[in-house]
N, C-alpha and C. Protein backbone atom coordinates (compact mmCIF):
# COMPACT_ATOMS: atom_id res chain seq x y z
N UNK A 1 35.11 -28.98 106.76
CA UNK A 1 34.83 -28.68 105.38
C UNK A 1 35.60 -29.66 104.50
N UNK A 2 34.91 -30.31 103.59
CA UNK A 2 35.54 -31.31 102.73
C UNK A 2 36.34 -30.64 101.61
N UNK A 3 37.48 -31.22 101.33
CA UNK A 3 38.31 -30.70 100.24
C UNK A 3 37.98 -31.46 98.97
N UNK A 4 38.01 -30.79 97.82
CA UNK A 4 37.74 -31.50 96.57
C UNK A 4 38.87 -32.47 96.26
N UNK A 5 38.51 -33.58 95.66
CA UNK A 5 39.48 -34.60 95.30
C UNK A 5 40.38 -34.07 94.19
N UNK A 6 41.69 -34.21 94.35
CA UNK A 6 42.60 -33.71 93.34
C UNK A 6 42.58 -34.65 92.13
N UNK A 7 42.66 -34.08 90.96
CA UNK A 7 42.61 -34.85 89.72
C UNK A 7 43.96 -35.52 89.48
N UNK A 8 43.93 -36.71 88.94
CA UNK A 8 45.13 -37.44 88.57
C UNK A 8 45.65 -36.86 87.28
N UNK A 9 46.92 -36.51 87.24
CA UNK A 9 47.53 -35.95 86.04
C UNK A 9 48.47 -37.00 85.46
N UNK A 10 48.02 -37.71 84.42
CA UNK A 10 48.85 -38.77 83.86
C UNK A 10 49.97 -38.20 83.00
N UNK A 11 51.15 -38.80 83.05
CA UNK A 11 52.23 -38.36 82.16
C UNK A 11 52.00 -38.90 80.75
N UNK A 12 52.68 -38.32 79.78
CA UNK A 12 52.58 -38.80 78.40
C UNK A 12 53.08 -40.24 78.34
N UNK A 13 52.35 -41.08 77.62
CA UNK A 13 52.70 -42.50 77.49
C UNK A 13 52.04 -43.40 78.52
N UNK A 14 51.35 -42.84 79.48
CA UNK A 14 50.69 -43.63 80.53
C UNK A 14 49.41 -44.27 79.99
N UNK A 15 49.10 -45.44 80.53
CA UNK A 15 47.84 -46.10 80.20
C UNK A 15 46.80 -45.68 81.22
N UNK A 16 45.59 -45.46 80.76
CA UNK A 16 44.51 -45.00 81.63
C UNK A 16 43.19 -45.56 81.14
N UNK A 17 42.17 -45.41 81.95
CA UNK A 17 40.82 -45.78 81.57
C UNK A 17 40.01 -44.50 81.43
N UNK A 18 39.34 -44.35 80.30
CA UNK A 18 38.50 -43.18 80.04
C UNK A 18 37.07 -43.54 80.39
N UNK A 19 36.47 -42.75 81.27
CA UNK A 19 35.07 -42.94 81.65
C UNK A 19 34.23 -41.96 80.85
N UNK A 20 33.40 -42.48 79.97
CA UNK A 20 32.54 -41.63 79.15
C UNK A 20 31.27 -41.24 79.87
N UNK A 21 30.28 -40.85 79.10
CA UNK A 21 29.02 -40.37 79.69
C UNK A 21 28.21 -41.49 80.34
N UNK A 22 28.34 -42.70 79.85
CA UNK A 22 27.62 -43.83 80.43
C UNK A 22 28.62 -44.86 80.91
N UNK A 23 28.16 -45.78 81.72
CA UNK A 23 29.03 -46.84 82.23
C UNK A 23 29.53 -47.76 81.11
N UNK A 24 28.76 -47.91 80.05
CA UNK A 24 29.15 -48.78 78.95
C UNK A 24 30.27 -48.18 78.11
N UNK A 25 30.50 -46.90 78.21
CA UNK A 25 31.49 -46.26 77.35
C UNK A 25 32.83 -46.06 78.06
N UNK A 26 33.31 -47.10 78.74
CA UNK A 26 34.63 -47.07 79.34
C UNK A 26 35.60 -47.73 78.38
N UNK A 27 36.73 -47.10 78.14
CA UNK A 27 37.72 -47.69 77.24
C UNK A 27 39.12 -47.41 77.73
N UNK A 28 40.02 -48.32 77.41
CA UNK A 28 41.41 -48.16 77.76
C UNK A 28 42.08 -47.28 76.72
N UNK A 29 42.87 -46.31 77.18
CA UNK A 29 43.51 -45.36 76.29
C UNK A 29 44.97 -45.19 76.70
N UNK A 30 45.75 -44.62 75.78
CA UNK A 30 47.13 -44.23 76.06
C UNK A 30 47.21 -42.71 75.94
N UNK A 31 47.78 -42.07 76.93
CA UNK A 31 47.89 -40.61 76.93
C UNK A 31 49.02 -40.21 75.99
N UNK A 32 48.71 -39.28 75.08
CA UNK A 32 49.70 -38.81 74.12
C UNK A 32 50.33 -37.51 74.61
N UNK A 33 49.50 -36.54 74.99
CA UNK A 33 50.01 -35.23 75.41
C UNK A 33 48.96 -34.50 76.22
N UNK A 34 49.39 -33.43 76.86
CA UNK A 34 48.46 -32.57 77.59
C UNK A 34 48.00 -31.46 76.65
N UNK A 35 46.72 -31.21 76.63
CA UNK A 35 46.16 -30.13 75.82
C UNK A 35 45.80 -28.97 76.75
N UNK A 36 45.13 -27.99 76.23
CA UNK A 36 44.77 -26.83 77.05
C UNK A 36 43.46 -27.05 77.78
N UNK A 37 43.20 -26.21 78.75
CA UNK A 37 41.94 -26.18 79.50
C UNK A 37 41.62 -27.49 80.21
N UNK A 38 42.63 -28.14 80.79
CA UNK A 38 42.39 -29.36 81.56
C UNK A 38 42.02 -30.56 80.73
N UNK A 39 42.48 -30.63 79.52
CA UNK A 39 42.18 -31.75 78.63
C UNK A 39 43.45 -32.49 78.25
N UNK A 40 43.29 -33.74 77.83
CA UNK A 40 44.41 -34.58 77.43
C UNK A 40 44.13 -35.17 76.05
N UNK A 41 45.17 -35.32 75.25
CA UNK A 41 45.06 -36.00 73.96
C UNK A 41 45.39 -37.46 74.22
N UNK A 42 44.48 -38.36 73.81
CA UNK A 42 44.66 -39.79 74.04
C UNK A 42 44.49 -40.56 72.74
N UNK A 43 45.00 -41.80 72.74
CA UNK A 43 44.83 -42.71 71.61
C UNK A 43 44.09 -43.94 72.08
N UNK A 44 43.25 -44.49 71.22
CA UNK A 44 42.51 -45.71 71.53
C UNK A 44 42.25 -46.45 70.22
N UNK A 45 41.85 -47.70 70.34
CA UNK A 45 41.48 -48.49 69.17
C UNK A 45 40.02 -48.18 68.85
N UNK A 46 39.77 -47.74 67.62
CA UNK A 46 38.42 -47.37 67.20
C UNK A 46 37.57 -48.59 66.86
N UNK A 47 36.34 -48.34 66.42
CA UNK A 47 35.40 -49.42 66.11
C UNK A 47 35.86 -50.29 64.95
N UNK A 48 36.60 -49.72 64.01
CA UNK A 48 37.07 -50.49 62.86
C UNK A 48 38.48 -51.04 63.05
N UNK A 49 39.00 -50.94 64.26
CA UNK A 49 40.32 -51.47 64.55
C UNK A 49 41.45 -50.52 64.19
N UNK A 50 41.12 -49.29 63.90
CA UNK A 50 42.12 -48.30 63.53
C UNK A 50 42.42 -47.43 64.75
N UNK A 51 43.69 -47.05 64.93
CA UNK A 51 44.08 -46.19 66.02
C UNK A 51 43.52 -44.78 65.81
N UNK A 52 42.82 -44.26 66.81
CA UNK A 52 42.22 -42.92 66.72
C UNK A 52 42.73 -42.07 67.88
N UNK A 53 42.83 -40.78 67.63
CA UNK A 53 43.22 -39.81 68.66
C UNK A 53 42.04 -38.89 68.92
N UNK A 54 41.83 -38.58 70.19
CA UNK A 54 40.78 -37.65 70.54
C UNK A 54 41.14 -36.97 71.85
N UNK A 55 40.45 -35.90 72.16
CA UNK A 55 40.72 -35.10 73.35
C UNK A 55 39.63 -35.35 74.38
N UNK A 56 40.06 -35.57 75.63
CA UNK A 56 39.12 -35.84 76.71
C UNK A 56 39.46 -34.94 77.90
N UNK A 57 38.48 -34.75 78.78
CA UNK A 57 38.74 -34.00 80.00
C UNK A 57 39.58 -34.85 80.95
N UNK A 58 40.53 -34.20 81.59
CA UNK A 58 41.44 -34.91 82.51
C UNK A 58 40.67 -35.54 83.66
N UNK A 59 39.54 -34.94 84.07
CA UNK A 59 38.74 -35.48 85.17
C UNK A 59 38.13 -36.84 84.83
N UNK A 60 37.98 -37.16 83.54
CA UNK A 60 37.38 -38.42 83.13
C UNK A 60 38.39 -39.54 82.97
N UNK A 61 39.66 -39.28 83.25
CA UNK A 61 40.69 -40.31 83.18
C UNK A 61 41.00 -40.83 84.57
N UNK A 62 41.07 -42.14 84.70
CA UNK A 62 41.44 -42.77 85.96
C UNK A 62 42.57 -43.76 85.68
N UNK A 63 43.45 -43.99 86.65
CA UNK A 63 44.53 -44.96 86.43
C UNK A 63 43.96 -46.36 86.22
N UNK A 64 44.68 -47.15 85.43
CA UNK A 64 44.25 -48.54 85.22
C UNK A 64 44.46 -49.32 86.51
N UNK A 65 43.69 -50.36 86.68
CA UNK A 65 43.82 -51.20 87.85
C UNK A 65 45.18 -51.89 87.82
N UNK A 66 45.86 -52.01 88.96
CA UNK A 66 47.21 -52.58 88.97
C UNK A 66 47.26 -54.05 88.61
N UNK A 67 46.18 -54.78 88.78
CA UNK A 67 46.21 -56.21 88.49
C UNK A 67 45.78 -56.54 87.06
N UNK A 68 45.65 -55.56 86.22
CA UNK A 68 45.17 -55.80 84.85
C UNK A 68 46.17 -56.63 84.05
N UNK A 69 47.46 -56.35 84.16
CA UNK A 69 48.46 -57.05 83.37
C UNK A 69 49.33 -57.98 84.21
N UNK A 70 48.92 -58.29 85.43
CA UNK A 70 49.69 -59.20 86.29
C UNK A 70 49.49 -60.64 85.88
């Protein structure tokens, strides 16, 4: 019997990639805090270049690739 994959729980201040509903809506975010019901508060650069905060499901966050800033 297969076990479900455990969700990654990022600490506050961690960088992550948010996977949206489509493949085109992937964006790099910074985790601000943990919210209720399995959600996280994150910050990202909005369309007008302004920092925006929004809440996402923890299941949609994945760690950034290790070679991104190497």
